[in-house]
Amino acid sequence: MSSIQKSYQMTRVFWIGMGLLVLKNAKDLIHLPRPTALGAILIGVACMFPMYLWCAGKVRGMPIFPFFTLTYLWTFCLPLLSENPNVWMYSSSAHFYAAISTVIFLISGTFVWWQFVNTPSNSAKPYRALANVGAENFFLTILGFAGLLNMYSLGGWFSISGGLFALIRGIVLGLSLLGIFVLCYRAGAGLLTNFKSRLLFVLLSIFILTSAATLILKTALTVFLLSVVAYVVGGRKLPVLPLVLGLLCLLPLHYGKHPMRQKYWDASNTYHVQPWQYPAWFQEWVSHSEESFTHKRQRYDPPEEVHQSFTDRSSVIHMLMMAQAKIPNPYPYMEGATYAIIPQLILPRFLNPNKIRSHEGTHMLNIHVHRQTYQDTLRTTIAWGLLPEAYANFGLLGCAGVGMFLGAFYGYITRLGVGAPIFSARSLFGVLVLSMALASTEWTAGVYFASLFQSSMPLIGMRFVFMKIYRSRQKQHFLDQEKLLLLAALEQELQAELDRQEDTSNSSLNLQT
C-alpha cells in the first residue's frame, strides 16, 4: 500500500471517529447552555486539528504533538459534556472562559509546531543506532523478562530487597515500554519477520495478562493502547480486530475489580497468584463483573460504591476553572515559582540528599490557592496539569507561552527524527517523549521534566555503549551519487586516452605505409 493510500485510509478513519464522537454527544450539545457547548466544540476542533494533519499526511515524522493535543479531548473537552460535579459547580461563563484559555494554549502550540515540522531538517548528519536484528532480539528479551518480573512479583517466588527491586523494575519497565513501541511500530510497517511478529504477540499478551492479574488495570490498558498507537504510527492503519478483541477482554474487568480488591487487598495475609492459577483467577474476576451487570439492588443492600466514568476521572479542566476563579483575585499570580524549582527536581538525589519532592510544584499550587495545607500535601496529591499551572503562574500569557514552548519542543524532537530509523537514538528519544506526552495529563512541569530526565538515562547509556554511528540515507545517497559521477569522469578520461592511443597508432601505420 502506497503512502497516499495509507494517508487516505487514516483520514477516513479520522472522519469516521469524529462523526461517531459528534453523534454520541449531539444530545448533550443541544441541551447544554450555549457558552458551554460552544466552548466544548472549540476545544474539540483545536485539539483534533493536529491529528487531522498527521492522518492526512500533511506533516512528517512521529506524531508527538498530535497525540499530546489528543489528550485534551478527554481532559478538557468531554468533561464539559459530562455530569461531572467538579465541572458543574462553575457557571457556563466560567466554562467558556476556560475553553478560550485552552484554545489559546492549543492554537499557539500548533502554530509553532507547524513551523518546525515543515522546516527542512538537516538529516544529512550521521546518527547513532542499534543494528536492526540485534535491537529486535534485545527488546524481545526485555519484554519476556518484564513478563517474568510480573510473575515473580505476583507469585512471591523469592525475596529481593525493596530498593534493588524498585531499581530493576524501573529499568525493565522503562525499556519494555520503549521496546513495545518500536517492535509494534516495525510490525505495523511490515518490517518484522513472521516468527518475530508471532513471538511479539505472545510476549505482549503475557505482559498484559500478568499486568492485569495484579488487579491494577491501568498498567494493562496503558500497554495495550501503547501497542495500538505504535502499530498505527508505523503502518498508518488501524488494527481493527486486535483492538476490538483487546477492549472486549479488558474493559469488562473494570466492573469486577472492586470486589476482587476488597476480597484480596483487604485480607490480613498477602495473597500470591501463581501462573497456573491465572485461569481460575480471571474466571473469578469475570464472575464478579457479570454480577455487577445482572445484580438488582435490594432494599437492605449496603450503599453502592460510586464509580466515576473515565471522563470524570480524567477531567483537568475543573482545575483550570478553579485557578481562574481564585487567581489573580484573591490570590496573585505565582510568577514562575513552580518553574524555578525544576533544576532541583532534575538533580539526582545522590547528589542532593535534601532533594525536594517530585510533586513539589503541585503542592505549591494547592497551598497557594488554599486548597490544601502543607500537612495535607504529605498525605494527598491533588493533580493540576500543565495548562492550569501555566495560568496560575502568568495568566493567559502563560497559557500561550507554555503552548508555544511545548509546540517548539515537540516540533524540534519530531524534526530531529525525520529520516532516521526507528532504532536510532533520535527516534527512540522521540518515542520516549511521545510516551511522556500521553502520560502528562495531570503533571506539572517539574514532574514532567524530572520524569523525562530519569527515563532518558538508560537510553543515553545505550547510545554511547551499544549504538554504532551510521550515515543518514540522504547523505549516503549523496555520496553514492558523487562516486558514480567520479567513476563516470574516470571512465570518460580512460576512453579519451584509449582514443588518443588508437589515433597515434593509426598515424604511425599511415606513415609506415
Protein backbone atom coordinates (compact mmCIF):
# COMPACT_ATOMS: atom_id res chain seq x y z
CA MET A 1 0.00 0.00 0.00
CA SER A 2 1.42 3.39 -1.01
CA SER A 3 1.82 6.30 1.39
CA ILE A 4 -1.02 8.16 -0.39
CA GLN A 5 -3.37 5.21 0.11
CA LYS A 6 -2.36 4.91 3.77
CA SER A 7 -3.00 8.63 4.32
CA TYR A 8 -6.39 8.30 2.65
CA GLN A 9 -7.25 5.33 4.87
CA MET A 10 -6.17 7.14 8.05
CA THR A 11 -8.09 10.26 7.04
CA ARG A 12 -11.21 8.16 6.53
CA VAL A 13 -10.74 6.56 9.96
CA PHE A 14 -10.29 10.05 11.44
CA TRP A 15 -13.55 11.39 9.98
CA ILE A 16 -15.47 8.25 10.94
CA GLY A 17 -14.22 8.63 14.51
CA MET A 18 -15.14 12.31 14.57
CA GLY A 19 -18.60 11.53 13.23
CA LEU A 20 -19.23 8.90 15.89
CA LEU A 21 -17.97 11.29 18.56
CA VAL A 22 -20.35 14.04 17.44
CA LEU A 23 -23.30 11.64 17.21
CA LYS A 24 -22.64 10.30 20.70
CA ASN A 25 -22.57 13.80 22.22
CA ALA A 26 -25.11 15.53 19.96
CA LYS A 27 -27.87 15.37 22.57
CA ASP A 28 -25.68 16.99 25.23
CA LEU A 29 -24.53 19.69 22.81
CA ILE A 30 -28.15 20.60 22.06
CA HIS A 31 -29.34 20.78 25.68
CA LEU A 32 -26.28 22.36 27.29
CA PRO A 33 -26.02 26.13 27.81
CA ARG A 34 -24.71 27.77 24.65
CA PRO A 35 -21.41 29.02 26.17
CA THR A 36 -20.59 25.55 27.47
CA ALA A 37 -21.49 23.80 24.21
CA LEU A 38 -19.56 26.33 22.13
CA GLY A 39 -16.54 26.01 24.40
CA ALA A 40 -16.56 22.21 24.05
CA ILE A 41 -16.77 22.48 20.24
CA LEU A 42 -13.88 24.96 20.09
CA ILE A 43 -11.65 22.75 22.27
CA GLY A 44 -12.57 19.69 20.21
CA VAL A 45 -11.61 21.37 16.92
CA ALA A 46 -8.37 22.81 18.33
CA CYS A 47 -7.20 19.54 19.89
CA MET A 48 -8.10 17.35 16.89
CA PHE A 49 -6.68 19.57 14.12
CA PRO A 50 -3.02 18.43 14.56
CA MET A 51 -4.18 14.80 14.45
CA TYR A 52 -6.04 15.50 11.20
CA LEU A 53 -2.86 16.99 9.69
CA TRP A 54 -0.93 13.85 10.59
CA CYS A 55 -3.61 11.44 9.37
CA ALA A 56 -3.84 13.31 6.06
CA GLY A 57 -0.07 13.05 5.58
CA LYS A 58 0.45 16.81 5.66
CA VAL A 59 3.21 16.61 8.30
CA ARG A 60 6.23 14.38 8.57
CA GLY A 61 7.77 12.49 11.43
CA MET A 62 6.44 10.94 14.60
CA PRO A 63 3.08 12.39 15.75
CA ILE A 64 4.22 13.52 19.21
CA PHE A 65 2.34 16.80 19.28
CA PRO A 66 -0.87 15.40 17.67
CA PHE A 67 -1.14 12.74 20.38
CA PHE A 68 -0.37 15.34 23.05
CA THR A 69 -3.24 17.57 21.88
CA LEU A 70 -5.47 14.49 21.56
CA THR A 71 -5.30 14.02 25.34
CA TYR A 72 -7.13 17.36 25.71
CA LEU A 73 -10.17 15.70 24.18
CA TRP A 74 -10.93 13.67 27.33
CA THR A 75 -9.29 16.00 29.85
CA PHE A 76 -10.74 19.37 28.74
CA CYS A 77 -13.39 18.87 26.03
CA LEU A 78 -15.55 15.91 27.01
CA PRO A 79 -15.77 16.83 30.74
CA LEU A 80 -17.82 19.88 29.68
CA LEU A 81 -20.36 17.45 28.20
CA SER A 82 -20.46 15.13 31.22
CA GLU A 83 -22.26 15.34 34.53
CA ASN A 84 -19.06 15.84 36.48
CA PRO A 85 -19.97 17.80 39.65
CA ASN A 86 -16.47 19.30 39.74
CA VAL A 87 -17.20 20.95 36.39
CA TRP A 88 -20.81 21.98 37.03
CA MET A 89 -20.03 23.79 40.26
CA TYR A 90 -18.88 26.60 37.95
CA SER A 91 -21.08 28.75 35.70
CA SER A 92 -21.37 28.44 31.93
CA SER A 93 -19.43 31.69 31.54
CA ALA A 94 -16.59 30.12 33.55
CA HIS A 95 -16.78 27.10 31.22
CA PHE A 96 -16.42 29.37 28.18
CA TYR A 97 -13.52 31.34 29.66
CA ALA A 98 -11.69 28.09 30.47
CA ALA A 99 -12.40 26.85 26.93
CA ILE A 100 -10.98 30.04 25.38
CA SER A 101 -7.86 29.70 27.54
CA THR A 102 -7.46 26.10 26.38
CA VAL A 103 -7.91 27.06 22.72
CA ILE A 104 -5.25 29.81 23.07
CA PHE A 105 -2.89 27.21 24.52
CA LEU A 106 -3.58 24.69 21.73
CA ILE A 107 -3.53 27.15 18.83
CA SER A 108 -0.28 28.79 19.92
CA GLY A 109 1.35 25.38 20.30
CA THR A 110 0.01 24.16 16.95
CA PHE A 111 1.30 27.25 15.13
CA VAL A 112 4.86 26.86 16.45
CA TRP A 113 4.84 23.08 15.98
CA TRP A 114 3.72 23.56 12.36
CA GLN A 115 6.71 25.84 11.69
CA PHE A 116 9.13 23.21 12.97
CA VAL A 117 7.73 20.16 11.20
CA ASN A 118 7.50 22.00 7.87
CA THR A 119 11.05 23.37 8.01
CA PRO A 120 13.56 21.21 6.08
CA SER A 121 15.66 19.26 8.57
CA ASN A 122 19.38 18.75 8.33
CA SER A 123 19.09 14.97 8.29
CA ALA A 124 22.42 14.53 6.49
CA LYS A 125 24.26 14.32 9.82
CA PRO A 126 25.46 10.88 10.96
CA TYR A 127 23.35 9.23 13.65
CA ARG A 128 23.81 6.54 16.26
CA ALA A 129 21.58 3.48 16.04
CA LEU A 130 21.26 -0.13 17.08
CA ALA A 131 21.57 -2.84 14.45
CA ASN A 132 18.06 -3.93 13.47
CA VAL A 133 18.36 -7.66 14.21
CA GLY A 134 20.25 -7.17 17.47
CA ALA A 135 17.84 -4.47 18.63
CA GLU A 136 14.80 -6.62 17.88
CA ASN A 137 16.26 -9.53 19.82
CA PHE A 138 17.22 -7.24 22.72
CA PHE A 139 13.77 -5.69 23.09
CA LEU A 140 12.01 -9.05 22.69
CA THR A 141 14.21 -10.38 25.51
CA ILE A 142 13.40 -7.36 27.69
CA LEU A 143 9.68 -7.85 27.03
CA GLY A 144 9.90 -11.51 28.03
CA PHE A 145 11.84 -10.58 31.18
CA ALA A 146 9.19 -7.98 32.04
CA GLY A 147 6.51 -10.69 31.96
CA LEU A 148 8.62 -12.91 34.21
CA LEU A 149 9.16 -9.99 36.58
CA ASN A 150 5.39 -9.53 36.85
CA MET A 151 5.00 -13.25 37.59
CA TYR A 152 7.71 -13.01 40.27
CA SER A 153 6.08 -10.02 41.90
CA LEU A 154 2.60 -11.58 41.88
CA GLY A 155 3.76 -15.07 42.84
CA GLY A 156 6.22 -14.08 45.60
CA TRP A 157 8.83 -16.56 44.37
CA PHE A 158 11.80 -15.26 46.39
CA SER A 159 12.87 -12.13 48.20
CA ILE A 160 14.74 -9.16 46.73
CA SER A 161 15.42 -6.04 48.77
CA GLY A 162 12.93 -3.28 48.15
CA GLY A 163 15.44 -0.74 46.82
CA LEU A 164 17.08 -3.20 44.42
CA PHE A 165 13.72 -4.50 43.20
CA ALA A 166 12.45 -0.96 42.59
CA LEU A 167 15.60 -0.17 40.57
CA ILE A 168 15.33 -3.34 38.48
CA ARG A 169 11.61 -2.89 37.95
CA GLY A 170 12.03 0.74 36.90
CA ILE A 171 14.72 -0.08 34.33
CA VAL A 172 12.89 -3.10 32.93
CA LEU A 173 9.53 -1.34 32.78
CA GLY A 174 11.03 1.69 31.00
CA LEU A 175 12.90 -0.44 28.45
CA SER A 176 9.92 -2.75 27.93
CA LEU A 177 7.58 0.16 27.15
CA LEU A 178 10.18 1.51 24.74
CA GLY A 179 10.54 -1.95 23.20
CA ILE A 180 6.78 -2.43 22.86
CA PHE A 181 6.52 0.79 20.89
CA VAL A 182 9.41 0.17 18.49
CA LEU A 183 8.53 -3.50 17.92
CA CYS A 184 4.85 -2.76 17.29
CA TYR A 185 5.94 0.14 15.08
CA ARG A 186 8.04 -2.23 12.97
CA ALA A 187 5.23 -4.79 12.95
CA GLY A 188 2.83 -2.14 11.63
CA ALA A 189 5.35 -1.14 8.96
CA GLY A 190 5.77 -4.81 7.94
CA LEU A 191 9.46 -4.91 8.93
CA LEU A 192 9.28 -7.86 11.36
CA THR A 193 9.55 -11.46 10.20
CA ASN A 194 6.50 -13.70 10.66
CA PHE A 195 8.21 -15.56 13.50
CA LYS A 196 9.10 -12.39 15.39
CA SER A 197 5.62 -10.95 14.82
CA ARG A 198 4.06 -14.04 16.40
CA LEU A 199 6.61 -14.01 19.22
CA LEU A 200 5.85 -10.32 19.86
CA PHE A 201 2.13 -11.10 20.05
CA VAL A 202 2.74 -13.90 22.57
CA LEU A 203 5.12 -11.90 24.78
CA LEU A 204 2.89 -8.82 24.64
CA SER A 205 -0.16 -10.90 25.61
CA ILE A 206 1.76 -12.40 28.56
CA PHE A 207 2.88 -8.95 29.70
CA ILE A 208 -0.65 -7.54 29.52
CA LEU A 209 -2.10 -10.63 31.22
CA THR A 210 0.37 -10.56 34.11
CA SER A 211 -0.06 -6.78 34.49
CA ALA A 212 -3.84 -7.16 34.70
CA ALA A 213 -3.53 -10.02 37.21
CA THR A 214 -2.18 -7.55 39.78
CA LEU A 215 -5.72 -6.03 39.85
CA ILE A 216 -4.29 -2.73 38.53
CA LEU A 217 -5.92 -2.43 35.13
CA LYS A 218 -4.36 0.93 34.31
CA THR A 219 -0.98 -0.64 33.52
CA ALA A 220 -2.50 -3.31 31.29
CA LEU A 221 -4.65 -0.78 29.42
CA THR A 222 -1.69 1.58 29.01
CA VAL A 223 0.46 -1.16 27.50
CA PHE A 224 -2.37 -2.29 25.22
CA LEU A 225 -3.13 1.23 23.96
CA LEU A 226 0.60 1.98 23.54
CA SER A 227 0.98 -1.06 21.30
CA VAL A 228 -2.04 0.01 19.22
CA VAL A 229 -0.71 3.57 18.88
CA ALA A 230 2.72 2.27 17.80
CA TYR A 231 1.15 -0.04 15.21
CA VAL A 232 -0.91 2.82 13.81
CA VAL A 233 2.09 5.17 13.67
CA GLY A 234 4.27 2.55 11.97
CA GLY A 235 1.78 1.32 9.39
CA ARG A 236 -0.74 4.20 9.20
CA LYS A 237 -3.50 1.65 9.51
CA LEU A 238 -5.82 0.67 12.35
CA PRO A 239 -5.62 -2.93 13.67
CA VAL A 240 -9.39 -3.24 13.99
CA LEU A 241 -9.67 -6.90 15.06
CA PRO A 242 -6.91 -6.85 17.75
CA LEU A 243 -8.25 -3.52 19.03
CA VAL A 244 -11.81 -4.83 19.40
CA LEU A 245 -10.70 -8.13 20.98
CA GLY A 246 -8.39 -6.36 23.43
CA LEU A 247 -11.07 -3.92 24.55
CA LEU A 248 -13.65 -6.72 24.90
CA CYS A 249 -11.26 -8.66 27.13
CA LEU A 250 -10.01 -5.78 29.30
CA LEU A 251 -12.85 -3.29 29.70
CA PRO A 252 -15.41 -5.70 31.31
CA LEU A 253 -12.85 -6.47 34.05
CA HIS A 254 -13.23 -2.87 35.25
CA TYR A 255 -16.66 -3.67 36.69
CA GLY A 256 -15.37 -6.56 38.79
CA LYS A 257 -12.10 -5.13 40.09
CA HIS A 258 -13.63 -3.56 43.22
CA PRO A 259 -14.98 -6.88 44.66
CA MET A 260 -11.66 -8.54 43.82
CA ARG A 261 -9.66 -5.80 45.54
CA GLN A 262 -11.97 -5.83 48.52
CA LYS A 263 -11.52 -9.58 48.87
CA TYR A 264 -7.76 -9.84 48.39
CA TRP A 265 -6.29 -6.43 49.16
CA ASP A 266 -8.14 -6.08 52.44
CA ALA A 267 -7.09 -9.52 53.63
CA SER A 268 -4.71 -9.75 56.58
CA ASN A 269 -2.40 -12.12 54.69
CA THR A 270 -0.55 -11.18 51.50
CA TYR A 271 -2.05 -13.01 48.55
CA HIS A 272 0.03 -14.70 45.83
CA VAL A 273 -1.13 -15.96 42.46
CA GLN A 274 0.98 -18.45 40.51
CA PRO A 275 0.92 -18.62 36.67
CA TRP A 276 -1.04 -21.91 36.64
CA GLN A 277 -3.69 -20.23 38.78
CA TYR A 278 -4.37 -17.42 36.29
CA PRO A 279 -7.34 -19.18 34.58
CA ALA A 280 -9.19 -19.60 37.88
CA TRP A 281 -8.16 -16.08 38.95
CA PHE A 282 -9.63 -14.43 35.85
CA GLN A 283 -12.66 -16.70 35.92
CA GLU A 284 -13.47 -15.44 39.42
CA TRP A 285 -12.86 -11.87 38.24
CA VAL A 286 -15.21 -12.29 35.27
CA SER A 287 -17.90 -13.73 37.55
CA HIS A 288 -17.74 -10.60 39.73
CA SER A 289 -18.05 -8.46 36.58
CA GLU A 290 -21.13 -10.42 35.50
CA GLU A 291 -22.71 -9.95 38.93
CA SER A 292 -22.27 -6.19 38.69
CA PHE A 293 -24.22 -6.25 35.41
CA THR A 294 -27.00 -8.64 36.45
CA HIS A 295 -27.42 -7.85 40.15
CA LYS A 296 -30.58 -5.98 41.08
CA ARG A 297 -30.17 -3.92 44.20
CA GLN A 298 -32.38 -4.86 47.16
CA ARG A 299 -33.75 -2.58 49.83
CA TYR A 300 -31.28 -3.60 52.52
CA ASP A 301 -28.16 -3.80 50.34
CA PRO A 302 -25.23 -1.70 51.58
CA PRO A 303 -24.75 1.62 49.79
CA GLU A 304 -23.31 1.13 46.35
CA GLU A 305 -19.82 2.47 45.75
CA VAL A 306 -19.86 5.48 43.46
CA HIS A 307 -17.95 4.70 40.27
CA GLN A 308 -16.70 7.62 38.23
CA SER A 309 -16.64 7.37 34.47
CA PHE A 310 -13.38 7.59 32.53
CA THR A 311 -14.17 11.19 31.54
CA ASP A 312 -14.90 12.20 35.15
CA ARG A 313 -11.63 10.67 36.38
CA SER A 314 -9.64 12.23 33.54
CA SER A 315 -11.05 15.77 33.88
CA VAL A 316 -8.48 18.52 34.38
CA ILE A 317 -10.48 21.49 33.10
CA HIS A 318 -12.11 21.98 36.50
CA MET A 319 -8.64 22.71 37.92
CA LEU A 320 -8.22 25.45 35.31
CA MET A 321 -11.61 26.90 36.27
CA MET A 322 -10.64 26.80 39.94
CA ALA A 323 -7.40 28.65 39.16
CA GLN A 324 -9.28 31.26 37.14
CA ALA A 325 -11.81 31.72 39.94
CA LYS A 326 -9.08 32.34 42.56
CA ILE A 327 -6.25 33.96 40.58
CA PRO A 328 -5.41 36.86 40.38
CA ASN A 329 -8.14 37.70 42.88
CA PRO A 330 -7.96 36.98 45.81
CA TYR A 331 -4.58 35.26 45.24
CA PRO A 332 -1.88 36.76 42.97
CA TYR A 333 -0.12 35.07 40.07
CA MET A 334 2.77 32.84 41.13
CA GLU A 335 5.07 34.40 38.51
CA GLY A 336 7.03 31.26 37.66
CA ALA A 337 7.56 29.89 41.18
CA THR A 338 6.71 26.32 40.14
CA TYR A 339 9.09 26.51 37.16
CA ALA A 340 12.01 27.81 39.24
CA ILE A 341 12.28 24.52 41.14
CA ILE A 342 12.77 22.35 38.01
CA PRO A 343 16.62 22.30 38.26
CA GLN A 344 16.33 20.98 41.82
CA LEU A 345 14.00 18.19 40.65
CA ILE A 346 16.30 17.13 37.82
CA LEU A 347 19.38 16.85 40.04
CA PRO A 348 19.75 13.20 41.21
CA ARG A 349 19.08 12.51 44.86
CA PHE A 350 22.56 11.03 45.49
CA LEU A 351 23.99 14.44 44.54
CA ASN A 352 21.40 16.28 46.62
CA PRO A 353 20.33 14.30 49.73
CA ASN A 354 17.87 17.07 50.63
CA LYS A 355 16.15 16.94 47.26
CA ILE A 356 12.56 18.27 47.27
CA ARG A 357 9.58 16.06 46.48
CA SER A 358 8.86 15.31 42.83
CA HIS A 359 5.35 16.80 43.14
CA GLU A 360 6.59 19.90 44.97
CA GLY A 361 5.23 22.15 42.22
CA THR A 362 1.79 20.57 42.53
CA HIS A 363 1.85 21.07 46.31
CA MET A 364 2.91 24.71 45.89
CA LEU A 365 -0.11 25.34 43.65
CA ASN A 366 -2.56 23.76 46.09
CA ILE A 367 -1.11 25.64 49.05
CA HIS A 368 -1.12 28.94 47.12
CA VAL A 369 -4.88 28.79 46.43
CA HIS A 370 -5.58 27.39 49.94
CA ARG A 371 -6.81 24.09 48.53
CA GLN A 372 -4.50 22.21 50.91
CA THR A 373 -2.25 22.88 53.86
CA TYR A 374 1.36 21.71 53.89
CA GLN A 375 0.39 18.84 56.21
CA ASP A 376 -2.32 17.80 53.76
CA THR A 377 0.22 17.51 50.94
CA LEU A 378 2.11 14.89 52.95
CA ARG A 379 -0.89 12.56 52.62
CA THR A 380 -2.69 13.51 49.39
CA THR A 381 -1.67 14.89 46.00
CA ILE A 382 -4.29 16.87 44.04
CA ALA A 383 -3.20 16.94 40.40
CA TRP A 384 -3.22 20.10 38.27
CA GLY A 385 -1.78 19.69 34.79
CA LEU A 386 0.45 21.82 32.55
CA LEU A 387 -2.24 24.26 31.40
CA PRO A 388 -3.75 25.15 34.83
CA GLU A 389 -0.19 25.54 36.14
CA ALA A 390 0.62 27.94 33.29
CA TYR A 391 -2.43 30.07 34.09
CA ALA A 392 -1.66 30.09 37.82
CA ASN A 393 1.80 31.46 37.07
CA PHE A 394 1.19 34.02 34.31
CA GLY A 395 -2.49 34.02 33.31
CA LEU A 396 -3.47 33.92 29.63
CA LEU A 397 0.06 34.93 28.61
CA GLY A 398 1.30 31.86 30.45
CA CYS A 399 -1.17 29.67 28.56
CA ALA A 400 0.08 30.99 25.22
CA GLY A 401 3.74 30.90 26.27
CA VAL A 402 3.71 27.32 27.57
CA GLY A 403 1.77 26.23 24.48
CA MET A 404 4.44 27.78 22.24
CA PHE A 405 7.24 26.19 24.28
CA LEU A 406 5.68 22.71 24.05
CA GLY A 407 4.96 23.18 20.35
CA ALA A 408 8.60 24.12 19.76
CA PHE A 409 9.90 21.24 21.92
CA TYR A 410 7.71 18.58 20.30
CA GLY A 411 8.32 20.04 16.84
CA TYR A 412 12.10 20.01 17.29
CA ILE A 413 12.13 16.42 18.57
CA THR A 414 9.90 15.40 15.64
CA ARG A 415 12.10 17.11 13.06
CA LEU A 416 15.21 15.60 14.64
CA GLY A 417 13.91 12.08 13.98
CA VAL A 418 12.83 12.62 10.36
CA GLY A 419 14.82 10.31 8.08
CA ALA A 420 16.34 8.33 10.96
CA PRO A 421 15.41 4.65 11.51
CA ILE A 422 13.28 3.66 14.49
CA PHE A 423 16.26 2.09 16.31
CA SER A 424 18.30 5.31 16.14
CA ALA A 425 18.88 7.36 19.28
CA ARG A 426 16.88 10.23 17.77
CA SER A 427 13.79 8.11 17.08
CA LEU A 428 13.97 6.25 20.39
CA PHE A 429 14.12 9.57 22.23
CA GLY A 430 11.11 10.68 20.19
CA VAL A 431 9.26 7.54 21.33
CA LEU A 432 10.16 8.38 24.93
CA VAL A 433 8.89 11.95 24.53
CA LEU A 434 5.69 10.62 22.93
CA SER A 435 5.05 8.40 25.95
CA MET A 436 5.59 11.41 28.22
CA ALA A 437 3.17 13.47 26.13
CA LEU A 438 0.48 10.82 26.60
CA ALA A 439 1.14 10.45 30.34
CA SER A 440 1.44 14.14 31.25
CA THR A 441 -2.26 14.99 31.51
CA GLU A 442 -2.08 15.61 35.28
CA TRP A 443 1.59 16.50 35.64
CA THR A 444 3.11 19.87 36.40
CA ALA A 445 6.24 20.97 34.54
CA GLY A 446 8.53 19.80 37.35
CA VAL A 447 7.15 16.25 37.32
CA TYR A 448 7.27 16.18 33.51
CA PHE A 449 10.90 17.15 33.09
CA ALA A 450 12.11 15.16 36.09
CA SER A 451 10.41 12.03 34.69
CA LEU A 452 11.79 12.70 31.20
CA PHE A 453 15.31 13.19 32.58
CA GLN A 454 15.24 9.99 34.63
CA SER A 455 13.74 7.94 31.78
CA SER A 456 16.41 9.23 29.39
CA MET A 457 19.33 7.84 31.40
CA PRO A 458 19.09 4.20 30.13
CA LEU A 459 18.73 5.50 26.57
CA ILE A 460 21.79 7.72 26.94
CA GLY A 461 23.75 4.73 28.23
CA MET A 462 22.61 2.63 25.25
CA ARG A 463 23.57 5.42 22.88
CA PHE A 464 27.21 5.51 23.91
CA VAL A 465 27.73 1.81 24.71
CA PHE A 466 25.68 -0.20 22.20
CA MET A 467 24.91 2.12 19.28
CA LYS A 468 27.11 2.49 16.21
CA ILE A 469 27.47 5.57 14.04
CA TYR A 470 25.72 5.41 10.68
CA ARG A 471 25.41 7.86 7.85
CA SER A 472 21.95 9.11 7.10
CA ARG A 473 20.25 7.81 4.00
CA GLN A 474 20.27 11.19 2.32
CA LYS A 475 23.98 11.70 2.93
CA GLN A 476 24.77 8.15 1.85
CA HIS A 477 22.72 8.67 -1.30
CA PHE A 478 24.62 11.91 -1.95
CA LEU A 479 27.96 10.13 -1.50
CA ASP A 480 26.85 7.31 -3.80
CA GLN A 481 25.93 9.88 -6.44
CA GLU A 482 29.36 11.51 -6.04
CA LYS A 483 31.01 8.11 -6.50
CA LEU A 484 29.00 7.44 -9.65
CA LEU A 485 29.92 10.84 -11.09
CA LEU A 486 33.58 10.27 -10.24
CA LEU A 487 33.55 6.84 -11.89
CA ALA A 488 31.85 8.30 -14.94
CA ALA A 489 34.52 11.02 -15.18
CA LEU A 490 37.31 8.44 -14.85
CA GLU A 491 35.65 6.29 -17.46
CA GLN A 492 35.49 9.25 -19.86
CA GLU A 493 39.17 10.08 -19.26
CA LEU A 494 40.13 6.44 -19.81
CA GLN A 495 38.11 6.29 -23.00
CA ALA A 496 39.71 9.53 -24.22
CA GLU A 497 43.18 8.12 -23.50
CA LEU A 498 42.35 4.95 -25.42
CA ASP A 499 41.08 7.05 -28.32
CA ARG A 500 44.33 9.07 -28.35
CA GLN A 501 46.43 5.92 -28.31
CA GLU A 502 44.38 4.50 -31.15
CA ASP A 503 44.80 7.71 -33.18
CA THR A 504 48.56 7.62 -32.54
CA SER A 505 48.76 4.00 -33.69
CA ASN A 506 46.80 4.79 -36.87
CA SER A 507 49.07 7.76 -37.65
CA SER A 508 52.19 5.61 -37.25
CA LEU A 509 50.72 2.95 -39.51
CA ASN A 510 49.92 5.51 -42.21
CA LEU A 511 53.49 6.89 -42.08
CA GLN A 512 54.97 3.44 -42.46
CA THR A 513 52.73 2.80 -45.44
